[in-house]
Every structure is written in C-alpha cells, then in structure tokens.
Amino acid sequence: MGGIRPSFFNDCLLAATARSHGHLIVTHNREDFNLIARVEPGVRTVRPFA
C-alpha cells in the first residue's frame, strides 16, 4: 500500500464516521488526524486529558 499503515485506513473510517455524527475524536495520534482533516473538513480532534 505504498508505505501507508493499515491503521491509517482505520483512522480515516473513524474520522469520517465521527464527522458525520458531529463527534469529537480524543486521540494522541494528532498527526494522522490532522492529515485526514485536510481532505475531510470538519474532523475535530483533541488530546486526552491524562
């Protein structure tokens, strides 16, 4: 898959689902989700509290 981790595709599915329901994603993986947000506007993320 050209160097793309399989987990990135899972992140894409999670981001699209969360966006369609208006949910916020709590994750340490901001790098991948910021990349996804560039092509899927409306994806919102925050870092976990702890």
N, C-alpha and C. Protein backbone atom coordinates (compact mmCIF):
# COMPACT_ATOMS: atom_id res chain seq x y z
N MET A 1 0.81 -1.20 0.00
CA MET A 1 0.00 0.00 0.00
C MET A 1 0.84 1.25 0.00
N GLY A 2 1.99 1.20 -0.55
CA GLY A 2 2.79 2.41 -0.72
C GLY A 2 3.26 3.06 0.56
N GLY A 3 3.54 2.27 1.59
CA GLY A 3 4.06 2.85 2.82
C GLY A 3 3.00 3.38 3.76
N ILE A 4 1.73 3.22 3.43
CA ILE A 4 0.66 3.67 4.31
C ILE A 4 0.30 2.52 5.26
N ARG A 5 0.33 2.82 6.55
CA ARG A 5 0.00 1.80 7.56
C ARG A 5 -1.48 1.42 7.47
N PRO A 6 -1.81 0.16 7.64
CA PRO A 6 -3.22 -0.24 7.65
C PRO A 6 -4.04 0.53 8.69
N SER A 7 -3.42 0.89 9.79
CA SER A 7 -4.16 1.63 10.83
C SER A 7 -4.60 3.00 10.33
N PHE A 8 -3.90 3.56 9.33
CA PHE A 8 -4.30 4.86 8.79
C PHE A 8 -5.68 4.77 8.13
N PHE A 9 -5.95 3.65 7.46
CA PHE A 9 -7.27 3.47 6.85
C PHE A 9 -8.35 3.37 7.92
N ASN A 10 -8.03 2.72 9.03
CA ASN A 10 -8.98 2.68 10.15
C ASN A 10 -9.23 4.08 10.70
N ASP A 11 -8.17 4.88 10.79
CA ASP A 11 -8.31 6.27 11.25
C ASP A 11 -9.21 7.06 10.30
N CYS A 12 -9.07 6.82 9.00
CA CYS A 12 -9.92 7.51 8.01
C CYS A 12 -11.39 7.15 8.22
N LEU A 13 -11.67 5.88 8.45
CA LEU A 13 -13.04 5.45 8.71
C LEU A 13 -13.58 6.07 9.99
N LEU A 14 -12.76 6.06 11.02
CA LEU A 14 -13.16 6.65 12.30
C LEU A 14 -13.44 8.14 12.14
N ALA A 15 -12.57 8.85 11.43
CA ALA A 15 -12.74 10.29 11.23
C ALA A 15 -14.01 10.60 10.45
N ALA A 16 -14.27 9.86 9.38
CA ALA A 16 -15.46 10.10 8.58
C ALA A 16 -16.73 9.82 9.39
N THR A 17 -16.72 8.76 10.17
CA THR A 17 -17.87 8.42 10.99
C THR A 17 -18.11 9.47 12.07
N ALA A 18 -17.04 9.86 12.75
CA ALA A 18 -17.16 10.88 13.80
C ALA A 18 -17.68 12.20 13.22
N ARG A 19 -17.14 12.59 12.08
CA ARG A 19 -17.57 13.84 11.44
C ARG A 19 -19.05 13.78 11.07
N SER A 20 -19.49 12.66 10.51
CA SER A 20 -20.88 12.56 10.07
C SER A 20 -21.86 12.60 11.23
N HIS A 21 -21.40 12.23 12.43
CA HIS A 21 -22.26 12.26 13.62
C HIS A 21 -22.00 13.51 14.48
N GLY A 22 -21.04 14.35 14.06
CA GLY A 22 -20.74 15.56 14.81
C GLY A 22 -19.94 15.32 16.07
N HIS A 23 -19.21 14.21 16.12
CA HIS A 23 -18.44 13.86 17.32
C HIS A 23 -17.01 14.37 17.24
N LEU A 24 -16.41 14.51 18.38
CA LEU A 24 -15.03 14.91 18.56
C LEU A 24 -14.20 13.65 18.79
N ILE A 25 -12.99 13.59 18.22
CA ILE A 25 -12.12 12.43 18.39
C ILE A 25 -11.06 12.78 19.43
N VAL A 26 -10.96 11.96 20.47
CA VAL A 26 -9.95 12.12 21.51
C VAL A 26 -8.81 11.16 21.19
N THR A 27 -7.62 11.71 20.88
CA THR A 27 -6.52 10.86 20.41
C THR A 27 -5.16 11.49 20.67
N HIS A 28 -4.18 10.63 20.85
CA HIS A 28 -2.78 11.09 20.87
C HIS A 28 -2.24 11.20 19.45
N ASN A 29 -2.92 10.58 18.49
CA ASN A 29 -2.46 10.48 17.11
C ASN A 29 -2.91 11.70 16.29
N ARG A 30 -2.51 12.87 16.70
CA ARG A 30 -2.94 14.09 16.03
C ARG A 30 -2.34 14.21 14.63
N GLU A 31 -1.16 13.66 14.41
CA GLU A 31 -0.51 13.77 13.10
C GLU A 31 -1.38 13.17 11.99
N ASP A 32 -1.83 11.94 12.18
CA ASP A 32 -2.67 11.30 11.17
C ASP A 32 -4.00 12.03 11.00
N PHE A 33 -4.62 12.41 12.11
CA PHE A 33 -5.93 13.04 12.02
C PHE A 33 -5.85 14.45 11.45
N ASN A 34 -4.77 15.15 11.68
CA ASN A 34 -4.59 16.46 11.03
C ASN A 34 -4.45 16.29 9.52
N LEU A 35 -3.76 15.25 9.10
CA LEU A 35 -3.64 14.95 7.67
C LEU A 35 -5.02 14.60 7.09
N ILE A 36 -5.76 13.79 7.78
CA ILE A 36 -7.10 13.42 7.32
C ILE A 36 -7.99 14.65 7.23
N ALA A 37 -7.89 15.55 8.20
CA ALA A 37 -8.72 16.75 8.22
C ALA A 37 -8.47 17.66 7.02
N ARG A 38 -7.31 17.54 6.41
CA ARG A 38 -7.02 18.36 5.22
C ARG A 38 -7.90 17.97 4.04
N VAL A 39 -8.33 16.71 3.98
CA VAL A 39 -9.18 16.25 2.88
C VAL A 39 -10.60 15.93 3.33
N GLU A 40 -10.82 15.89 4.62
CA GLU A 40 -12.14 15.61 5.19
C GLU A 40 -12.46 16.72 6.19
N PRO A 41 -12.90 17.89 5.66
CA PRO A 41 -13.17 19.03 6.55
C PRO A 41 -14.21 18.68 7.61
N GLY A 42 -14.03 19.25 8.78
CA GLY A 42 -14.98 19.02 9.87
C GLY A 42 -14.52 17.99 10.88
N VAL A 43 -13.39 17.33 10.61
CA VAL A 43 -12.84 16.37 11.57
C VAL A 43 -12.21 17.17 12.71
N ARG A 44 -12.70 16.93 13.92
CA ARG A 44 -12.20 17.66 15.09
C ARG A 44 -11.52 16.69 16.06
N THR A 45 -10.34 17.08 16.55
CA THR A 45 -9.60 16.23 17.49
C THR A 45 -9.14 17.04 18.68
N VAL A 46 -8.95 16.35 19.79
CA VAL A 46 -8.32 16.92 20.98
C VAL A 46 -7.44 15.84 21.59
N ARG A 47 -6.46 16.27 22.38
CA ARG A 47 -5.61 15.32 23.09
C ARG A 47 -6.35 14.85 24.35
N PRO A 48 -6.07 13.62 24.78
CA PRO A 48 -6.68 13.12 26.02
C PRO A 48 -6.25 13.98 27.20
N PHE A 49 -7.07 13.99 28.25
CA PHE A 49 -6.79 14.81 29.42
C PHE A 49 -5.64 14.26 30.23
N ALA A 50 -5.50 12.93 30.30
CA ALA A 50 -4.46 12.35 31.14
C ALA A 50 -3.29 11.86 30.33
